[in-house]
Amino acid sequence: MTSISAITNSTSNPIQSNNSTNPVIVYIPDAEDILKLDVSILNSNNTERPQSVQLAIFACAEPPGPVTRPGVNAVSGTGNFPSESFR
C-alpha cells in the first residue's frame, strides 16, 4: 500500500495519508468517542490486493471512576427455597 484514507463518525471528510513508505493517519487534535472507522486503500505498489493488512490503533483513555458493588445478602437454612427469595 502506498496511500490510505480514513473517515470516522466525527470527521466530515476522509483524511489521507501523506507517507507512501508507511501510510499512517494521525488525528490532531485527538478524536474522541469514535464509533465507526472506515479505512480505504487508495493506491498500492501493484494491481493485486494486499495479502494481509495490519491496523494499529493507539489510544489513551481516562481511567474508570470508583466502582461500587452491591451488598450480598446471606441466605441461611436448609431445604428448597422458592425462586422468589433470590430476586
PDB file of N, CA and C in Angstrom:
ATOM      1  N   MET A   1       0.840  -1.169   0.000  1.00  0.00           N
ATOM      2  CA  MET A   1       0.000   0.000   0.000  1.00  0.00           C
ATOM      3  C   MET A   1       0.886   1.234   0.000  1.00  0.00           C
ATOM      4  N   THR A   2       0.454   2.199  -0.749  1.00  0.00           N
ATOM      5  CA  THR A   2       1.191   3.459  -0.772  1.00  0.00           C
ATOM      6  C   THR A   2       0.341   4.636  -0.339  1.00  0.00           C
ATOM      7  N   SER A   3      -0.984   4.441  -0.258  1.00  0.00           N
ATOM      8  CA  SER A   3      -1.855   5.534   0.154  1.00  0.00           C
ATOM      9  C   SER A   3      -3.145   4.980   0.749  1.00  0.00           C
ATOM     10  N   ILE A   4      -3.559   5.540   1.870  1.00  0.00           N
ATOM     11  CA  ILE A   4      -4.825   5.169   2.504  1.00  0.00           C
ATOM     12  C   ILE A   4      -5.571   6.436   2.897  1.00  0.00           C
ATOM     13  N   SER A   5      -6.850   6.281   3.138  1.00  0.00           N
ATOM     14  CA  SER A   5      -7.647   7.369   3.699  1.00  0.00           C
ATOM     15  C   SER A   5      -8.537   6.773   4.767  1.00  0.00           C
ATOM     16  N   ALA A   6      -8.975   7.619   5.688  1.00  0.00           N
ATOM     17  CA  ALA A   6      -9.842   7.157   6.771  1.00  0.00           C
ATOM     18  C   ALA A   6     -10.854   8.240   7.097  1.00  0.00           C
ATOM     19  N   ILE A   7     -12.026   7.794   7.472  1.00  0.00           N
ATOM     20  CA  ILE A   7     -13.084   8.706   7.903  1.00  0.00           C
ATOM     21  C   ILE A   7     -13.757   8.088   9.123  1.00  0.00           C
ATOM     22  N   THR A   8     -14.152   8.932  10.063  1.00  0.00           N
ATOM     23  CA  THR A   8     -14.831   8.470  11.275  1.00  0.00           C
ATOM     24  C   THR A   8     -16.173   9.158  11.386  1.00  0.00           C
ATOM     25  N   ASN A   9     -16.924   8.770  12.401  1.00  0.00           N
ATOM     26  CA  ASN A   9     -18.207   9.414  12.640  1.00  0.00           C
ATOM     27  C   ASN A   9     -18.039  10.872  13.086  1.00  0.00           C
ATOM     28  N   SER A  10     -16.828  11.286  13.468  1.00  0.00           N
ATOM     29  CA  SER A  10     -16.630  12.670  13.918  1.00  0.00           C
ATOM     30  C   SER A  10     -15.916  13.538  12.877  1.00  0.00           C
ATOM     31  N   THR A  11     -15.585  12.975  11.701  1.00  0.00           N
ATOM     32  CA  THR A  11     -14.976  13.770  10.640  1.00  0.00           C
ATOM     33  C   THR A  11     -15.919  13.804   9.446  1.00  0.00           C
ATOM     34  N   SER A  12     -15.970  14.932   8.777  1.00  0.00           N
ATOM     35  CA  SER A  12     -16.896  15.055   7.649  1.00  0.00           C
ATOM     36  C   SER A  12     -16.247  14.676   6.320  1.00  0.00           C
ATOM     37  N   ASN A  13     -14.911  14.737   6.241  1.00  0.00           N
ATOM     38  CA  ASN A  13     -14.198  14.374   5.017  1.00  0.00           C
ATOM     39  C   ASN A  13     -13.099  13.371   5.353  1.00  0.00           C
ATOM     40  N   PRO A  14     -12.801  12.458   4.413  1.00  0.00           N
ATOM     41  CA  PRO A  14     -11.720  11.499   4.662  1.00  0.00           C
ATOM     42  C   PRO A  14     -10.373  12.218   4.819  1.00  0.00           C
ATOM     43  N   ILE A  15      -9.535  11.676   5.670  1.00  0.00           N
ATOM     44  CA  ILE A  15      -8.173  12.173   5.848  1.00  0.00           C
ATOM     45  C   ILE A  15      -7.262  11.210   5.112  1.00  0.00           C
ATOM     46  N   GLN A  16      -6.351  11.742   4.275  1.00  0.00           N
ATOM     47  CA  GLN A  16      -5.455  10.896   3.503  1.00  0.00           C
ATOM     48  C   GLN A  16      -4.071  10.861   4.128  1.00  0.00           C
ATOM     49  N   SER A  17      -3.410   9.710   3.978  1.00  0.00           N
ATOM     50  CA  SER A  17      -2.030   9.590   4.440  1.00  0.00           C
ATOM     51  C   SER A  17      -1.128  10.384   3.505  1.00  0.00           C
ATOM     52  N   ASN A  18       0.007  10.824   4.034  1.00  0.00           N
ATOM     53  CA  ASN A  18       0.945  11.563   3.194  1.00  0.00           C
ATOM     54  C   ASN A  18       2.319  10.902   3.170  1.00  0.00           C
ATOM     55  N   ASN A  19       2.395   9.648   3.613  1.00  0.00           N
ATOM     56  CA  ASN A  19       3.647   8.918   3.650  1.00  0.00           C
ATOM     57  C   ASN A  19       3.481   7.657   2.815  1.00  0.00           C
ATOM     58  N   SER A  20       4.088   7.618   1.639  1.00  0.00           N
ATOM     59  CA  SER A  20       3.897   6.455   0.762  1.00  0.00           C
ATOM     60  C   SER A  20       4.701   5.236   1.209  1.00  0.00           C
ATOM     61  N   THR A  21       5.714   5.417   2.042  1.00  0.00           N
ATOM     62  CA  THR A  21       6.507   4.294   2.538  1.00  0.00           C
ATOM     63  C   THR A  21       5.789   3.556   3.659  1.00  0.00           C
ATOM     64  N   ASN A  22       5.156   4.321   4.544  1.00  0.00           N
ATOM     65  CA  ASN A  22       4.438   3.755   5.689  1.00  0.00           C
ATOM     66  C   ASN A  22       3.164   4.564   5.896  1.00  0.00           C
ATOM     67  N   PRO A  23       2.097   4.230   5.164  1.00  0.00           N
ATOM     68  CA  PRO A  23       0.870   5.021   5.281  1.00  0.00           C
ATOM     69  C   PRO A  23       0.345   5.035   6.714  1.00  0.00           C
ATOM     70  N   VAL A  24       0.108   6.228   7.229  1.00  0.00           N
ATOM     71  CA  VAL A  24      -0.377   6.396   8.594  1.00  0.00           C
ATOM     72  C   VAL A  24      -1.260   7.634   8.634  1.00  0.00           C
ATOM     73  N   ILE A  25      -2.257   7.589   9.486  1.00  0.00           N
ATOM     74  CA  ILE A  25      -3.136   8.736   9.688  1.00  0.00           C
ATOM     75  C   ILE A  25      -3.155   9.045  11.173  1.00  0.00           C
ATOM     76  N   VAL A  26      -2.869  10.298  11.496  1.00  0.00           N
ATOM     77  CA  VAL A  26      -2.873  10.749  12.880  1.00  0.00           C
ATOM     78  C   VAL A  26      -3.916  11.845  12.998  1.00  0.00           C
ATOM     79  N   TYR A  27      -4.809  11.690  13.940  1.00  0.00           N
ATOM     80  CA  TYR A  27      -5.838  12.698  14.159  1.00  0.00           C
ATOM     81  C   TYR A  27      -5.327  13.735  15.141  1.00  0.00           C
ATOM     82  N   ILE A  28      -5.250  14.984  14.694  1.00  0.00           N
ATOM     83  CA  ILE A  28      -4.838  16.098  15.553  1.00  0.00           C
ATOM     84  C   ILE A  28      -5.891  17.181  15.380  1.00  0.00           C
ATOM     85  N   PRO A  29      -6.591  17.612  16.370  1.00  0.00           N
ATOM     86  CA  PRO A  29      -6.489  17.105  17.738  1.00  0.00           C
ATOM     87  C   PRO A  29      -7.025  15.681  17.819  1.00  0.00           C
ATOM     88  N   ASP A  30      -6.746  15.050  18.932  1.00  0.00           N
ATOM     89  CA  ASP A  30      -7.181  13.671  19.115  1.00  0.00           C
ATOM     90  C   ASP A  30      -8.681  13.558  18.898  1.00  0.00           C
ATOM     91  N   ALA A  31      -9.085  12.478  18.276  1.00  0.00           N
ATOM     92  CA  ALA A  31     -10.505  12.207  18.067  1.00  0.00           C
ATOM     93  C   ALA A  31     -11.048  11.474  19.286  1.00  0.00           C
ATOM     94  N   GLU A  32     -12.254  11.837  19.682  1.00  0.00           N
ATOM     95  CA  GLU A  32     -12.867  11.209  20.859  1.00  0.00           C
ATOM     96  C   GLU A  32     -14.175  10.540  20.482  1.00  0.00           C
ATOM     97  N   ASP A  33     -14.524   9.531  21.233  1.00  0.00           N
ATOM     98  CA  ASP A  33     -15.802   8.826  21.094  1.00  0.00           C
ATOM     99  C   ASP A  33     -16.037   8.344  19.665  1.00  0.00           C
ATOM    100  N   ILE A  34     -15.068   7.649  19.113  1.00  0.00           N
ATOM    101  CA  ILE A  34     -15.188   7.125  17.754  1.00  0.00           C
ATOM    102  C   ILE A  34     -16.035   5.860  17.793  1.00  0.00           C
ATOM    103  N   LEU A  35     -17.101   5.863  17.008  1.00  0.00           N
ATOM    104  CA  LEU A  35     -17.980   4.700  16.932  1.00  0.00           C
ATOM    105  C   LEU A  35     -17.786   3.936  15.632  1.00  0.00           C
ATOM    106  N   LYS A  36     -17.280   4.619  14.596  1.00  0.00           N
ATOM    107  CA  LYS A  36     -17.118   3.993  13.292  1.00  0.00           C
ATOM    108  C   LYS A  36     -15.826   4.498  12.662  1.00  0.00           C
ATOM    109  N   LEU A  37     -15.074   3.598  12.046  1.00  0.00           N
ATOM    110  CA  LEU A  37     -13.838   3.937  11.354  1.00  0.00           C
ATOM    111  C   LEU A  37     -13.804   3.185  10.037  1.00  0.00           C
ATOM    112  N   ASP A  38     -13.791   3.916   8.929  1.00  0.00           N
ATOM    113  CA  ASP A  38     -13.684   3.313   7.604  1.00  0.00           C
ATOM    114  C   ASP A  38     -12.318   3.660   7.031  1.00  0.00           C
ATOM    115  N   VAL A  39     -11.535   2.638   6.684  1.00  0.00           N
ATOM    116  CA  VAL A  39     -10.215   2.835   6.092  1.00  0.00           C
ATOM    117  C   VAL A  39     -10.279   2.323   4.659  1.00  0.00           C
ATOM    118  N   SER A  40      -9.803   3.141   3.724  1.00  0.00           N
ATOM    119  CA  SER A  40      -9.788   2.759   2.314  1.00  0.00           C
ATOM    120  C   SER A  40      -8.359   2.707   1.806  1.00  0.00           C
ATOM    121  N   ILE A  41      -8.036   1.670   1.022  1.00  0.00           N
ATOM    122  CA  ILE A  41      -6.735   1.591   0.352  1.00  0.00           C
ATOM    123  C   ILE A  41      -6.890   2.300  -0.986  1.00  0.00           C
ATOM    124  N   LEU A  42      -6.170   3.398  -1.147  1.00  0.00           N
ATOM    125  CA  LEU A  42      -6.304   4.199  -2.362  1.00  0.00           C
ATOM    126  C   LEU A  42      -5.346   3.757  -3.461  1.00  0.00           C
ATOM    127  N   ASN A  43      -4.104   3.452  -3.088  1.00  0.00           N
ATOM    128  CA  ASN A  43      -3.093   3.035  -4.063  1.00  0.00           C
ATOM    129  C   ASN A  43      -2.213   1.957  -3.459  1.00  0.00           C
ATOM    130  N   SER A  44      -1.642   1.130  -4.343  1.00  0.00           N
ATOM    131  CA  SER A  44      -0.683   0.125  -3.891  1.00  0.00           C
ATOM    132  C   SER A  44       0.450   0.044  -4.906  1.00  0.00           C
ATOM    133  N   ASN A  45       1.466  -0.732  -4.580  1.00  0.00           N
ATOM    134  CA  ASN A  45       2.621  -0.857  -5.463  1.00  0.00           C
ATOM    135  C   ASN A  45       2.297  -1.635  -6.734  1.00  0.00           C
ATOM    136  N   ASN A  46       1.263  -2.453  -6.679  1.00  0.00           N
ATOM    137  CA  ASN A  46       0.889  -3.229  -7.861  1.00  0.00           C
ATOM    138  C   ASN A  46      -0.630  -3.318  -7.911  1.00  0.00           C
ATOM    139  N   THR A  47      -1.142  -4.043  -8.871  1.00  0.00           N
ATOM    140  CA  THR A  47      -2.590  -4.106  -9.060  1.00  0.00           C
ATOM    141  C   THR A  47      -3.260  -5.185  -8.216  1.00  0.00           C
ATOM    142  N   GLU A  48      -2.465  -6.015  -7.525  1.00  0.00           N
ATOM    143  CA  GLU A  48      -3.048  -7.077  -6.712  1.00  0.00           C
ATOM    144  C   GLU A  48      -3.474  -6.551  -5.348  1.00  0.00           C
ATOM    145  N   ARG A  49      -4.493  -7.196  -4.793  1.00  0.00           N
ATOM    146  CA  ARG A  49      -4.904  -6.857  -3.430  1.00  0.00           C
ATOM    147  C   ARG A  49      -3.830  -7.291  -2.455  1.00  0.00           C
ATOM    148  N   PRO A  50      -3.635  -6.532  -1.384  1.00  0.00           N
ATOM    149  CA  PRO A  50      -2.677  -6.973  -0.366  1.00  0.00           C
ATOM    150  C   PRO A  50      -3.122  -8.292   0.250  1.00  0.00           C
ATOM    151  N   GLN A  51      -2.177  -9.190   0.524  1.00  0.00           N
ATOM    152  CA  GLN A  51      -2.490 -10.467   1.145  1.00  0.00           C
ATOM    153  C   GLN A  51      -2.888 -10.282   2.599  1.00  0.00           C
ATOM    154  N   SER A  52      -2.299  -9.298   3.262  1.00  0.00           N
ATOM    155  CA  SER A  52      -2.664  -9.015   4.651  1.00  0.00           C
ATOM    156  C   SER A  52      -2.465  -7.527   4.916  1.00  0.00           C
ATOM    157  N   VAL A  53      -3.231  -7.039   5.855  1.00  0.00           N
ATOM    158  CA  VAL A  53      -3.158  -5.633   6.236  1.00  0.00           C
ATOM    159  C   VAL A  53      -3.150  -5.581   7.754  1.00  0.00           C
ATOM    160  N   GLN A  54      -2.257  -4.786   8.311  1.00  0.00           N
ATOM    161  CA  GLN A  54      -2.212  -4.610   9.760  1.00  0.00           C
ATOM    162  C   GLN A  54      -2.763  -3.239  10.102  1.00  0.00           C
ATOM    163  N   LEU A  55      -3.618  -3.209  11.097  1.00  0.00           N
ATOM    164  CA  LEU A  55      -4.196  -1.962  11.580  1.00  0.00           C
ATOM    165  C   LEU A  55      -3.805  -1.806  13.040  1.00  0.00           C
ATOM    166  N   ALA A  56      -3.200  -0.687  13.359  1.00  0.00           N
ATOM    167  CA  ALA A  56      -2.826  -0.407  14.748  1.00  0.00           C
ATOM    168  C   ALA A  56      -3.547   0.858  15.180  1.00  0.00           C
ATOM    169  N   ILE A  57      -4.176   0.782  16.323  1.00  0.00           N
ATOM    170  CA  ILE A  57      -4.852   1.939  16.888  1.00  0.00           C
ATOM    171  C   ILE A  57      -4.218   2.216  18.239  1.00  0.00           C
ATOM    172  N   PHE A  58      -3.619   3.380  18.360  1.00  0.00           N
ATOM    173  CA  PHE A  58      -3.011   3.797  19.617  1.00  0.00           C
ATOM    174  C   PHE A  58      -3.951   4.804  20.244  1.00  0.00           C
ATOM    175  N   ALA A  59      -4.367   4.553  21.471  1.00  0.00           N
ATOM    176  CA  ALA A  59      -5.340   5.425  22.104  1.00  0.00           C
ATOM    177  C   ALA A  59      -5.045   5.553  23.591  1.00  0.00           C
ATOM    178  N   CYS A  60      -5.507   6.634  24.129  1.00  0.00           N
ATOM    179  CA  CYS A  60      -5.423   6.867  25.566  1.00  0.00           C
ATOM    180  C   CYS A  60      -6.838   7.072  26.082  1.00  0.00           C
ATOM    181  N   ALA A  61      -7.065   6.734  27.311  1.00  0.00           N
ATOM    182  CA  ALA A  61      -8.385   6.898  27.892  1.00  0.00           C
ATOM    183  C   ALA A  61      -8.251   7.274  29.354  1.00  0.00           C
ATOM    184  N   GLU A  62      -9.268   7.912  29.859  1.00  0.00           N
ATOM    185  CA  GLU A  62      -9.308   8.233  31.277  1.00  0.00           C
ATOM    186  C   GLU A  62      -9.548   6.951  32.058  1.00  0.00           C
ATOM    187  N   PRO A  63      -8.889   6.787  33.191  1.00  0.00           N
ATOM    188  CA  PRO A  63      -9.160   5.595  33.989  1.00  0.00           C
ATOM    189  C   PRO A  63     -10.597   5.613  34.500  1.00  0.00           C
ATOM    190  N   PRO A  64     -11.187   4.446  34.700  1.00  0.00           N
ATOM    191  CA  PRO A  64     -12.562   4.418  35.195  1.00  0.00           C
ATOM    192  C   PRO A  64     -12.647   4.982  36.610  1.00  0.00           C
ATOM    193  N   GLY A  65     -13.814   5.491  36.944  1.00  0.00           N
ATOM    194  CA  GLY A  65     -14.032   6.042  38.282  1.00  0.00           C
ATOM    195  C   GLY A  65     -14.196   4.946  39.316  1.00  0.00           C
ATOM    196  N   PRO A  66     -14.500   5.348  40.541  1.00  0.00           N
ATOM    197  CA  PRO A  66     -14.685   4.345  41.606  1.00  0.00           C
ATOM    198  C   PRO A  66     -15.799   3.363  41.243  1.00  0.00           C
ATOM    199  N   VAL A  67     -15.595   2.133  41.619  1.00  0.00           N
ATOM    200  CA  VAL A  67     -16.581   1.094  41.344  1.00  0.00           C
ATOM    201  C   VAL A  67     -17.207   0.679  42.657  1.00  0.00           C
ATOM    202  N   THR A  68     -18.522   0.644  42.679  1.00  0.00           N
ATOM    203  CA  THR A  68     -19.214   0.174  43.884  1.00  0.00           C
ATOM    204  C   THR A  68     -19.868  -1.158  43.553  1.00  0.00           C
ATOM    205  N   ARG A  69     -19.921  -1.995  44.516  1.00  0.00           N
ATOM    206  CA  ARG A  69     -20.538  -3.309  44.334  1.00  0.00           C
ATOM    207  C   ARG A  69     -21.721  -3.423  45.281  1.00  0.00           C
ATOM    208  N   PRO A  70     -22.813  -4.031  44.809  1.00  0.00           N
ATOM    209  CA  PRO A  70     -23.964  -4.196  45.689  1.00  0.00           C
ATOM    210  C   PRO A  70     -23.657  -5.175  46.806  1.00  0.00           C
ATOM    211  N   GLY A  71     -24.311  -4.973  47.913  1.00  0.00           N
ATOM    212  CA  GLY A  71     -24.144  -5.898  49.033  1.00  0.00           C
ATOM    213  C   GLY A  71     -24.742  -7.249  48.715  1.00  0.00           C
ATOM    214  N   VAL A  72     -24.271  -8.260  49.374  1.00  0.00           N
ATOM    215  CA  VAL A  72     -24.776  -9.618  49.172  1.00  0.00           C
ATOM    216  C   VAL A  72     -25.485 -10.039  50.457  1.00  0.00           C
ATOM    217  N   ASN A  73     -26.731 -10.463  50.307  1.00  0.00           N
ATOM    218  CA  ASN A  73     -27.496 -10.924  51.458  1.00  0.00           C
ATOM    219  C   ASN A  73     -27.280 -12.422  51.627  1.00  0.00           C
ATOM    220  N   ALA A  74     -26.893 -12.814  52.812  1.00  0.00           N
ATOM    221  CA  ALA A  74     -26.684 -14.224  53.095  1.00  0.00           C
ATOM    222  C   ALA A  74     -28.027 -14.917  53.281  1.00  0.00           C
ATOM    223  N   VAL A  75     -28.136 -16.123  52.768  1.00  0.00           N
ATOM    224  CA  VAL A  75     -29.333 -16.940  52.935  1.00  0.00           C
ATOM    225  C   VAL A  75     -28.928 -18.130  53.789  1.00  0.00           C
ATOM    226  N   SER A  76     -29.668 -18.333  54.878  1.00  0.00           N
ATOM    227  CA  SER A  76     -29.324 -19.457  55.739  1.00  0.00           C
ATOM    228  C   SER A  76     -30.478 -20.442  55.771  1.00  0.00           C
ATOM    229  N   GLY A  77     -30.198 -21.614  56.227  1.00  0.00           N
ATOM    230  CA  GLY A  77     -31.239 -22.632  56.331  1.00  0.00           C
ATOM    231  C   GLY A  77     -30.953 -23.783  55.389  1.00  0.00           C
ATOM    232  N   THR A  78     -31.850 -24.731  55.399  1.00  0.00           N
ATOM    233  CA  THR A  78     -31.698 -25.891  54.532  1.00  0.00           C
ATOM    234  C   THR A  78     -33.006 -26.122  53.818  1.00  0.00           C
ATOM    235  N   GLY A  79     -32.976 -26.938  52.803  1.00  0.00           N
ATOM    236  CA  GLY A  79     -34.198 -27.270  52.085  1.00  0.00           C
ATOM    237  C   GLY A  79     -34.307 -26.494  50.787  1.00  0.00           C
ATOM    238  N   ASN A  80     -35.515 -26.512  50.212  1.00  0.00           N
ATOM    239  CA  ASN A  80     -35.776 -25.825  48.945  1.00  0.00           C
ATOM    240  C   ASN A  80     -36.271 -24.406  49.216  1.00  0.00           C
ATOM    241  N   PHE A  81     -35.642 -23.466  48.578  1.00  0.00           N
ATOM    242  CA  PHE A  81     -36.086 -22.069  48.702  1.00  0.00           C
ATOM    243  C   PHE A  81     -36.890 -21.702  47.486  1.00  0.00           C
ATOM    244  N   PRO A  82     -37.994 -21.001  47.641  1.00  0.00           N
ATOM    245  CA  PRO A  82     -38.761 -20.545  46.474  1.00  0.00           C
ATOM    246  C   PRO A  82     -37.894 -19.590  45.637  1.00  0.00           C
ATOM    247  N   SER A  83     -38.081 -19.634  44.336  1.00  0.00           N
ATOM    248  CA  SER A  83     -37.244 -18.808  43.452  1.00  0.00           C
ATOM    249  C   SER A  83     -37.427 -17.330  43.753  1.00  0.00           C
ATOM    250  N   GLU A  84     -38.600 -16.917  44.322  1.00  0.00           N
ATOM    251  CA  GLU A  84     -38.831 -15.504  44.632  1.00  0.00           C
ATOM    252  C   GLU A  84     -37.847 -14.988  45.680  1.00  0.00           C
ATOM    253  N   SER A  85     -37.295 -15.845  46.501  1.00  0.00           N
ATOM    254  CA  SER A  85     -36.399 -15.368  47.553  1.00  0.00           C
ATOM    255  C   SER A  85     -35.046 -14.930  47.000  1.00  0.00           C
ATOM    256  N   PHE A  86     -34.778 -15.241  45.736  1.00  0.00           N
ATOM    257  CA  PHE A  86     -33.494 -14.850  45.145  1.00  0.00           C
ATOM    258  C   PHE A  86     -33.632 -13.689  44.177  1.00  0.00           C
ATOM    259  N   ARG A  87     -34.795 -13.062  44.087  1.00  0.00           N
ATOM    260  CA  ARG A  87     -34.994 -11.947  43.158  1.00  0.00           C
ATOM    261  C   ARG A  87     -34.762 -10.640  43.843  1.00  0.00           C
TER     262      ARG A  87
END
